[in-house]
PDB file of N, CA and C in Angstrom:
ATOM      1  N   MET A   1     159.185  67.449  70.176  1.00  0.00           N
ATOM      2  CA  MET A   1     160.308  66.475  70.269  1.00  0.00           C
ATOM      3  C   MET A   1     160.074  65.361  69.453  1.00  0.00           C
ATOM      4  N   ILE A   2     158.971  64.834  69.494  1.00  0.00           N
ATOM      5  CA  ILE A   2     158.435  63.672  68.798  1.00  0.00           C
ATOM      6  C   ILE A   2     158.554  63.839  67.141  1.00  0.00           C
ATOM      7  N   LEU A   3     158.142  65.152  66.840  1.00  0.00           N
ATOM      8  CA  LEU A   3     158.237  65.404  65.347  1.00  0.00           C
ATOM      9  C   LEU A   3     159.719  65.479  64.892  1.00  0.00           C
ATOM     10  N   LEU A   4     160.551  66.063  65.666  1.00  0.00           N
ATOM     11  CA  LEU A   4     161.903  66.136  65.447  1.00  0.00           C
ATOM     12  C   LEU A   4     162.530  64.680  65.329  1.00  0.00           C
ATOM     13  N   PHE A   5     162.191  63.886  66.295  1.00  0.00           N
ATOM     14  CA  PHE A   5     162.776  62.499  66.113  1.00  0.00           C
ATOM     15  C   PHE A   5     162.264  61.714  64.929  1.00  0.00           C
ATOM     16  N   LEU A   6     160.991  61.888  64.770  1.00  0.00           N
ATOM     17  CA  LEU A   6     160.442  61.214  63.514  1.00  0.00           C
ATOM     18  C   LEU A   6     161.024  61.651  62.283  1.00  0.00           C
ATOM     19  N   ASN A   7     161.189  63.092  62.278  1.00  0.00           N
ATOM     20  CA  ASN A   7     161.752  63.554  61.004  1.00  0.00           C
ATOM     21  C   ASN A   7     163.210  63.282  60.713  1.00  0.00           C
ATOM     22  N   LYS A   8     163.943  63.243  61.920  1.00  0.00           N
ATOM     23  CA  LYS A   8     165.474  62.814  61.705  1.00  0.00           C
ATOM     24  C   LYS A   8     165.518  61.298  61.387  1.00  0.00           C
ATOM     25  N   ASN A   9     164.686  60.407  61.817  1.00  0.00           N
ATOM     26  CA  ASN A   9     164.742  59.030  61.620  1.00  0.00           C
ATOM     27  C   ASN A   9     163.795  58.757  60.589  1.00  0.00           C
ATOM     28  N   TYR A  10     163.501  59.436  59.569  1.00  0.00           N
ATOM     29  CA  TYR A  10     162.405  59.340  58.588  1.00  0.00           C
ATOM     30  C   TYR A  10     162.582  58.009  57.828  1.00  0.00           C
ATOM     31  N   ARG A  11     161.548  57.285  58.010  1.00  0.00           N
ATOM     32  CA  ARG A  11     161.277  56.063  57.027  1.00  0.00           C
ATOM     33  C   ARG A  11     159.950  56.053  56.342  1.00  0.00           C
ATOM     34  N   TYR A  12     159.937  55.461  55.216  1.00  0.00           N
ATOM     35  CA  TYR A  12     158.562  55.491  54.584  1.00  0.00           C
ATOM     36  C   TYR A  12     157.503  54.824  55.358  1.00  0.00           C
ATOM     37  N   ASN A  13     157.760  53.810  56.238  1.00  0.00           N
ATOM     38  CA  ASN A  13     156.736  53.125  56.967  1.00  0.00           C
ATOM     39  C   ASN A  13     156.275  53.977  58.119  1.00  0.00           C
ATOM     40  N   LEU A  14     157.023  54.984  58.404  1.00  0.00           N
ATOM     41  CA  LEU A  14     156.671  55.769  59.496  1.00  0.00           C
ATOM     42  C   LEU A  14     156.061  57.141  58.970  1.00  0.00           C
ATOM     43  N   SER A  15     155.762  57.334  57.781  1.00  0.00           N
ATOM     44  CA  SER A  15     155.251  58.640  57.171  1.00  0.00           C
ATOM     45  C   SER A  15     153.803  58.781  57.676  1.00  0.00           C
ATOM     46  N   SER A  16     153.054  57.764  57.627  1.00  0.00           N
ATOM     47  CA  SER A  16     151.584  57.876  58.025  1.00  0.00           C
ATOM     48  C   SER A  16     151.596  58.272  59.618  1.00  0.00           C
ATOM     49  N   LEU A  17     152.520  57.775  60.391  1.00  0.00           N
ATOM     50  CA  LEU A  17     152.557  58.250  61.853  1.00  0.00           C
ATOM     51  C   LEU A  17     152.917  59.698  61.956  1.00  0.00           C
ATOM     52  N   PHE A  18     153.835  60.159  61.205  1.00  0.00           N
ATOM     53  CA  PHE A  18     154.298  61.536  61.154  1.00  0.00           C
ATOM     54  C   PHE A  18     153.193  62.428  60.671  1.00  0.00           C
ATOM     55  N   GLY A  19     152.414  62.029  59.425  1.00  0.00           N
ATOM     56  CA  GLY A  19     151.368  62.854  59.076  1.00  0.00           C
ATOM     57  C   GLY A  19     150.229  62.922  60.124  1.00  0.00           C
ATOM     58  N   ILE A  20     149.942  61.858  60.768  1.00  0.00           N
ATOM     59  CA  ILE A  20     148.796  61.828  61.776  1.00  0.00           C
ATOM     60  C   ILE A  20     149.265  62.732  62.925  1.00  0.00           C
ATOM     61  N   THR A  21     150.533  62.691  63.370  1.00  0.00           N
ATOM     62  CA  THR A  21     150.995  63.429  64.561  1.00  0.00           C
ATOM     63  C   THR A  21     150.883  64.940  64.165  1.00  0.00           C
ATOM     64  N   VAL A  22     151.222  65.411  62.954  1.00  0.00           N
ATOM     65  CA  VAL A  22     151.288  66.670  62.623  1.00  0.00           C
ATOM     66  C   VAL A  22     149.902  67.257  62.467  1.00  0.00           C
ATOM     67  N   CYS A  23     148.952  66.359  61.905  1.00  0.00           N
ATOM     68  CA  CYS A  23     147.521  66.748  61.832  1.00  0.00           C
ATOM     69  C   CYS A  23     146.989  66.873  63.223  1.00  0.00           C
ATOM     70  N   LEU A  24     147.243  66.061  64.111  1.00  0.00           N
ATOM     71  CA  LEU A  24     146.714  66.171  65.520  1.00  0.00           C
ATOM     72  C   LEU A  24     147.225  67.479  66.141  1.00  0.00           C
ATOM     73  N   LEU A  25     148.502  67.763  65.909  1.00  0.00           N
ATOM     74  CA  LEU A  25     149.025  68.878  66.509  1.00  0.00           C
ATOM     75  C   LEU A  25     148.379  70.186  66.081  1.00  0.00           C
ATOM     76  N   TYR A  26     148.165  70.344  64.774  1.00  0.00           N
ATOM     77  CA  TYR A  26     147.433  71.442  64.141  1.00  0.00           C
ATOM     78  C   TYR A  26     145.991  71.512  64.638  1.00  0.00           C
ATOM     79  N   THR A  27     145.374  70.430  64.794  1.00  0.00           N
ATOM     80  CA  THR A  27     143.999  70.433  65.352  1.00  0.00           C
ATOM     81  C   THR A  27     143.928  70.917  66.785  1.00  0.00           C
ATOM     82  N   CYS A  28     144.780  70.531  67.600  1.00  0.00           N
ATOM     83  CA  CYS A  28     144.849  70.963  69.070  1.00  0.00           C
ATOM     84  C   CYS A  28     145.289  72.390  69.065  1.00  0.00           C
ATOM     85  N   LEU A  29     146.101  72.840  68.188  1.00  0.00           N
ATOM     86  CA  LEU A  29     146.553  74.208  68.239  1.00  0.00           C
ATOM     87  C   LEU A  29     145.260  75.140  67.774  1.00  0.00           C
ATOM     88  N   GLY A  30     144.618  74.651  66.719  1.00  0.00           N
ATOM     89  CA  GLY A  30     143.447  75.408  66.297  1.00  0.00           C
ATOM     90  C   GLY A  30     142.312  75.464  67.248  1.00  0.00           C
ATOM     91  N   VAL A  31     141.920  74.286  67.990  1.00  0.00           N
ATOM     92  CA  VAL A  31     141.089  74.402  69.071  1.00  0.00           C
ATOM     93  C   VAL A  31     141.449  75.327  70.218  1.00  0.00           C
ATOM     94  N   THR A  32     142.869  75.389  70.488  1.00  0.00           N
ATOM     95  CA  THR A  32     143.285  76.201  71.632  1.00  0.00           C
ATOM     96  C   THR A  32     142.949  77.757  71.119  1.00  0.00           C
ATOM     97  N   VAL A  33     143.427  78.051  70.002  1.00  0.00           N
ATOM     98  CA  VAL A  33     143.393  79.500  69.593  1.00  0.00           C
ATOM     99  C   VAL A  33     141.774  79.832  69.417  1.00  0.00           C
ATOM    100  N   ILE A  34     140.945  79.082  68.933  1.00  0.00           N
ATOM    101  CA  ILE A  34     139.607  79.380  68.810  1.00  0.00           C
ATOM    102  C   ILE A  34     139.022  79.562  70.274  1.00  0.00           C
ATOM    103  N   THR A  35     139.283  78.707  71.249  1.00  0.00           N
ATOM    104  CA  THR A  35     138.823  78.814  72.559  1.00  0.00           C
ATOM    105  C   THR A  35     139.206  80.086  73.258  1.00  0.00           C
ATOM    106  N   ILE A  36     140.524  80.551  73.042  1.00  0.00           N
ATOM    107  CA  ILE A  36     141.050  81.659  73.600  1.00  0.00           C
ATOM    108  C   ILE A  36     140.342  82.903  73.017  1.00  0.00           C
ATOM    109  N   ARG A  37     140.208  82.943  71.752  1.00  0.00           N
ATOM    110  CA  ARG A  37     139.581  84.046  71.106  1.00  0.00           C
ATOM    111  C   ARG A  37     138.140  84.284  71.342  1.00  0.00           C
ATOM    112  N   ASN A  38     137.400  83.212  71.638  1.00  0.00           N
ATOM    113  CA  ASN A  38     135.976  83.302  71.768  1.00  0.00           C
ATOM    114  C   ASN A  38     135.610  83.296  73.232  1.00  0.00           C
ATOM    115  N   ARG A  39     136.516  83.601  74.099  1.00  0.00           N
ATOM    116  CA  ARG A  39     136.078  83.844  75.387  1.00  0.00           C
ATOM    117  C   ARG A  39     135.050  85.077  75.636  1.00  0.00           C
ATOM    118  N   LYS A  40     134.184  84.810  76.539  1.00  0.00           N
ATOM    119  CA  LYS A  40     133.156  85.968  76.746  1.00  0.00           C
ATOM    120  C   LYS A  40     133.865  86.949  77.757  1.00  0.00           C
ATOM    121  N   PRO A  41     133.628  88.164  77.437  1.00  0.00           N
ATOM    122  CA  PRO A  41     134.238  89.177  78.326  1.00  0.00           C
ATOM    123  C   PRO A  41     133.683  89.287  79.733  1.00  0.00           C
ATOM    124  N   VAL A  42     134.444  89.413  80.706  1.00  0.00           N
ATOM    125  CA  VAL A  42     133.926  89.633  82.206  1.00  0.00           C
ATOM    126  C   VAL A  42     133.505  90.961  82.326  1.00  0.00           C
ATOM    127  N   LEU A  43     132.065  91.127  82.815  1.00  0.00           N
ATOM    128  CA  LEU A  43     131.571  92.407  83.092  1.00  0.00           C
ATOM    129  C   LEU A  43     131.754  92.764  84.471  1.00  0.00           C
ATOM    130  N   HIS A  44     132.355  93.954  84.727  1.00  0.00           N
ATOM    131  CA  HIS A  44     132.477  94.383  86.043  1.00  0.00           C
ATOM    132  C   HIS A  44     131.427  95.507  86.293  1.00  0.00           C
ATOM    133  N   ASN A  45     130.456  95.266  87.116  1.00  0.00           N
ATOM    134  CA  ASN A  45     129.503  96.277  87.435  1.00  0.00           C
ATOM    135  C   ASN A  45     129.839  97.311  88.399  1.00  0.00           C
ATOM    136  N   LYS A  46     130.777  96.982  89.358  1.00  0.00           N
ATOM    137  CA  LYS A  46     131.067  97.775  90.437  1.00  0.00           C
ATOM    138  C   LYS A  46     132.566  97.982  90.506  1.00  0.00           C
ATOM    139  N   GLY A  47     133.016  99.217  90.730  1.00  0.00           N
ATOM    140  CA  GLY A  47     134.363  99.382  90.857  1.00  0.00           C
ATOM    141  C   GLY A  47     134.853 100.743  90.285  1.00  0.00           C
ATOM    142  N   ILE A  48     136.171 100.948  90.200  1.00  0.00           N
ATOM    143  CA  ILE A  48     136.635 102.186  89.681  1.00  0.00           C
ATOM    144  C   ILE A  48     137.431 101.836  88.497  1.00  0.00           C
ATOM    145  N   PHE A  49     137.061 102.491  87.278  1.00  0.00           N
ATOM    146  CA  PHE A  49     137.547 102.152  86.122  1.00  0.00           C
ATOM    147  C   PHE A  49     138.633 103.176  85.668  1.00  0.00           C
ATOM    148  N   SER A  50     139.730 102.708  85.118  1.00  0.00           N
ATOM    149  CA  SER A  50     140.744 103.508  84.599  1.00  0.00           C
ATOM    150  C   SER A  50     140.680 103.297  82.947  1.00  0.00           C
ATOM    151  N   SER A  51     140.443 104.547  82.290  1.00  0.00           N
ATOM    152  CA  SER A  51     140.235 104.332  80.840  1.00  0.00           C
ATOM    153  C   SER A  51     140.997 105.410  80.046  1.00  0.00           C
ATOM    154  N   VAL A  52     141.119 105.316  78.783  1.00  0.00           N
ATOM    155  CA  VAL A  52     141.676 106.158  77.877  1.00  0.00           C
ATOM    156  C   VAL A  52     140.687 106.449  76.776  1.00  0.00           C
ATOM    157  N   ILE A  53     140.585 107.870  76.429  1.00  0.00           N
ATOM    158  CA  ILE A  53     139.640 108.237  75.502  1.00  0.00           C
ATOM    159  C   ILE A  53     140.197 107.840  74.139  1.00  0.00           C
ATOM    160  N   MET A  54     139.623 107.027  73.293  1.00  0.00           N
ATOM    161  CA  MET A  54     140.096 106.718  71.975  1.00  0.00           C
ATOM    162  C   MET A  54     139.551 107.656  70.890  1.00  0.00           C
ATOM    163  N   GLU A  55     138.444 108.200  71.005  1.00  0.00           N
ATOM    164  CA  GLU A  55     137.860 109.203  70.039  1.00  0.00           C
ATOM    165  C   GLU A  55     137.608 110.438  70.613  1.00  0.00           C
ATOM    166  N   ILE A  56     137.585 111.525  69.876  1.00  0.00           N
ATOM    167  CA  ILE A  56     137.267 112.821  70.470  1.00  0.00           C
ATOM    168  C   ILE A  56     135.694 112.760  70.526  1.00  0.00           C
ATOM    169  N   PRO A  57     135.113 113.393  71.738  1.00  0.00           N
ATOM    170  CA  PRO A  57     133.747 113.397  72.026  1.00  0.00           C
ATOM    171  C   PRO A  57     133.005 114.077  71.028  1.00  0.00           C
ATOM    172  N   VAL A  58     131.861 113.445  70.524  1.00  0.00           N
ATOM    173  CA  VAL A  58     131.069 114.080  69.471  1.00  0.00           C
ATOM    174  C   VAL A  58     129.835 114.474  70.082  1.00  0.00           C
ATOM    175  N   GLU A  59     129.400 115.845  69.694  1.00  0.00           N
ATOM    176  CA  GLU A  59     128.299 116.363  70.481  1.00  0.00           C
ATOM    177  C   GLU A  59     127.035 115.960  69.742  1.00  0.00           C
ATOM    178  N   LYS A  60     126.169 115.380  70.428  1.00  0.00           N
ATOM    179  CA  LYS A  60     124.762 114.971  69.929  1.00  0.00           C
ATOM    180  C   LYS A  60     123.761 116.126  70.306  1.00  0.00           C
ATOM    181  N   GLU A  61     122.447 115.774  70.168  1.00  0.00           N
ATOM    182  CA  GLU A  61     121.536 116.694  70.464  1.00  0.00           C
ATOM    183  C   GLU A  61     121.433 117.046  72.058  1.00  0.00           C
ATOM    184  N   ASN A  62     121.467 116.068  72.916  1.00  0.00           N
ATOM    185  CA  ASN A  62     121.349 116.394  74.428  1.00  0.00           C
ATOM    186  C   ASN A  62     122.477 115.732  75.070  1.00  0.00           C
ATOM    187  N   SER A  63     123.618 115.203  74.319  1.00  0.00           N
ATOM    188  CA  SER A  63     124.643 114.464  75.098  1.00  0.00           C
ATOM    189  C   SER A  63     125.917 114.539  74.336  1.00  0.00           C
ATOM    190  N   LEU A  64     126.930 113.977  74.756  1.00  0.00           N
ATOM    191  CA  LEU A  64     128.309 113.786  74.252  1.00  0.00           C
ATOM    192  C   LEU A  64     128.462 112.210  74.055  1.00  0.00           C
ATOM    193  N   LYS A  65     128.937 111.847  72.868  1.00  0.00           N
ATOM    194  CA  LYS A  65     129.278 110.392  72.709  1.00  0.00           C
ATOM    195  C   LYS A  65     130.774 110.296  72.546  1.00  0.00           C
ATOM    196  N   SER A  66     131.396 109.195  73.197  1.00  0.00           N
ATOM    197  CA  SER A  66     132.900 108.939  72.912  1.00  0.00           C
ATOM    198  C   SER A  66     133.049 107.501  73.075  1.00  0.00           C
ATOM    199  N   VAL A  67     134.258 106.986  72.678  1.00  0.00           N
ATOM    200  CA  VAL A  67     134.681 105.747  72.703  1.00  0.00           C
ATOM    201  C   VAL A  67     135.932 105.609  73.827  1.00  0.00           C
ATOM    202  N   LEU A  68     135.758 104.796  74.891  1.00  0.00           N
ATOM    203  CA  LEU A  68     136.817 104.665  75.788  1.00  0.00           C
ATOM    204  C   LEU A  68     137.351 103.203  75.756  1.00  0.00           C
ATOM    205  N   LYS A  69     138.673 103.167  76.056  1.00  0.00           N
ATOM    206  CA  LYS A  69     139.371 101.855  76.251  1.00  0.00           C
ATOM    207  C   LYS A  69     139.647 101.675  77.735  1.00  0.00           C
ATOM    208  N   ILE A  70     138.951 100.766  78.361  1.00  0.00           N
ATOM    209  CA  ILE A  70     139.154 100.489  79.761  1.00  0.00           C
ATOM    210  C   ILE A  70     140.330  99.668  79.925  1.00  0.00           C
ATOM    211  N   GLU A  71     141.396 100.215  80.788  1.00  0.00           N
ATOM    212  CA  GLU A  71     142.582  99.403  80.940  1.00  0.00           C
ATOM    213  C   GLU A  71     142.574  98.710  82.278  1.00  0.00           C
ATOM    214  N   PHE A  72     142.159  99.295  83.320  1.00  0.00           N
ATOM    215  CA  PHE A  72     142.075  98.688  84.542  1.00  0.00           C
ATOM    216  C   PHE A  72     140.747  98.840  85.294  1.00  0.00           C
ATOM    217  N   VAL A  73     140.411  97.800  86.079  1.00  0.00           N
ATOM    218  CA  VAL A  73     139.332  97.948  87.092  1.00  0.00           C
ATOM    219  C   VAL A  73     139.644  97.677  88.485  1.00  0.00           C
ATOM    220  N   VAL A  74     139.460  98.613  89.364  1.00  0.00           N
ATOM    221  CA  VAL A  74     139.831  98.397  90.787  1.00  0.00           C
ATOM    222  C   VAL A  74     138.533  98.008  91.468  1.00  0.00           C
ATOM    223  N   GLN A  75     138.646  96.760  92.152  1.00  0.00           N
ATOM    224  CA  GLN A  75     137.563  96.243  92.922  1.00  0.00           C
ATOM    225  C   GLN A  75     138.194  95.869  94.269  1.00  0.00           C
ATOM    226  N   GLY A  76     137.784  96.799  95.311  1.00  0.00           N
ATOM    227  CA  GLY A  76     138.283  96.510  96.642  1.00  0.00           C
ATOM    228  C   GLY A  76     139.776  96.660  96.644  1.00  0.00           C
ATOM    229  N   ASP A  77     140.554  95.559  96.920  1.00  0.00           N
ATOM    230  CA  ASP A  77     141.986  95.694  97.046  1.00  0.00           C
ATOM    231  C   ASP A  77     142.520  95.086  95.636  1.00  0.00           C
ATOM    232  N   LYS A  78     141.838  94.687  94.787  1.00  0.00           N
ATOM    233  CA  LYS A  78     142.336  93.952  93.471  1.00  0.00           C
ATOM    234  C   LYS A  78     142.335  94.990  92.257  1.00  0.00           C
ATOM    235  N   LEU A  79     143.416  94.922  91.440  1.00  0.00           N
ATOM    236  CA  LEU A  79     143.578  95.697  90.277  1.00  0.00           C
ATOM    237  C   LEU A  79     143.487  94.766  89.211  1.00  0.00           C
ATOM    238  N   ILE A  80     142.435  94.835  88.347  1.00  0.00           N
ATOM    239  CA  ILE A  80     142.220  93.856  87.325  1.00  0.00           C
ATOM    240  C   ILE A  80     142.446  94.489  85.966  1.00  0.00           C
ATOM    241  N   LYS A  81     143.454  93.959  85.146  1.00  0.00           N
ATOM    242  CA  LYS A  81     143.828  94.527  83.882  1.00  0.00           C
ATOM    243  C   LYS A  81     142.827  94.047  82.849  1.00  0.00           C
ATOM    244  N   THR A  82     142.342  94.914  82.016  1.00  0.00           N
ATOM    245  CA  THR A  82     141.404  94.498  80.868  1.00  0.00           C
ATOM    246  C   THR A  82     141.771  95.216  79.610  1.00  0.00           C
ATOM    247  N   ASP A  83     141.113  94.850  78.646  1.00  0.00           N
ATOM    248  CA  ASP A  83     141.395  95.408  77.282  1.00  0.00           C
ATOM    249  C   ASP A  83     140.101  95.517  76.489  1.00  0.00           C
ATOM    250  N   GLU A  84     139.244  96.257  76.995  1.00  0.00           N
ATOM    251  CA  GLU A  84     137.891  96.435  76.445  1.00  0.00           C
ATOM    252  C   GLU A  84     137.700  97.837  75.970  1.00  0.00           C
ATOM    253  N   LYS A  85     136.858  97.894  74.898  1.00  0.00           N
ATOM    254  CA  LYS A  85     136.294  99.225  74.428  1.00  0.00           C
ATOM    255  C   LYS A  85     134.945  99.303  74.690  1.00  0.00           C
ATOM    256  N   VAL A  86     134.434 100.581  75.108  1.00  0.00           N
ATOM    257  CA  VAL A  86     133.034 100.836  75.444  1.00  0.00           C
ATOM    258  C   VAL A  86     132.747 102.179  74.815  1.00  0.00           C
ATOM    259  N   VAL A  87     131.511 102.277  74.552  1.00  0.00           N
ATOM    260  CA  VAL A  87     130.801 103.532  73.855  1.00  0.00           C
ATOM    261  C   VAL A  87     130.133 104.150  75.131  1.00  0.00           C
ATOM    262  N   VAL A  88     130.428 105.447  75.433  1.00  0.00           N
ATOM    263  CA  VAL A  88     129.838 106.131  76.480  1.00  0.00           C
ATOM    264  C   VAL A  88     129.163 107.407  76.032  1.00  0.00           C
ATOM    265  N   PHE A  89     128.135 107.690  76.833  1.00  0.00           N
ATOM    266  CA  PHE A  89     127.280 108.877  76.526  1.00  0.00           C
ATOM    267  C   PHE A  89     127.329 109.768  77.852  1.00  0.00           C
ATOM    268  N   PHE A  90     127.637 111.085  77.640  1.00  0.00           N
ATOM    269  CA  PHE A  90     127.680 111.966  78.798  1.00  0.00           C
ATOM    270  C   PHE A  90     126.392 112.914  78.725  1.00  0.00           C
ATOM    271  N   GLY A  91     125.606 112.955  79.635  1.00  0.00           N
ATOM    272  CA  GLY A  91     124.343 113.810  79.599  1.00  0.00           C
ATOM    273  C   GLY A  91     124.422 115.175  79.910  1.00  0.00           C
TER     274      GLY A  91
END
């Protein structure tokens, strides 16, 4: 709203204020995006996992290897939605 007001009532003496406001807005937006993208994943050790097979299992020497996408984790009464990929080996 402030940017629209400053842009509508634009005067040369307010141009530095407009530039500083836009710069601060982009800086805050960048910090927010980086913070969201760099969150550490939550590791669930116990629970029931609901997953989808992303790759056809590949037969190794003594095992099978595949990539799964975990969609939900059930812990007690809670259903936790996730979006993680894991490599699994079946013996």
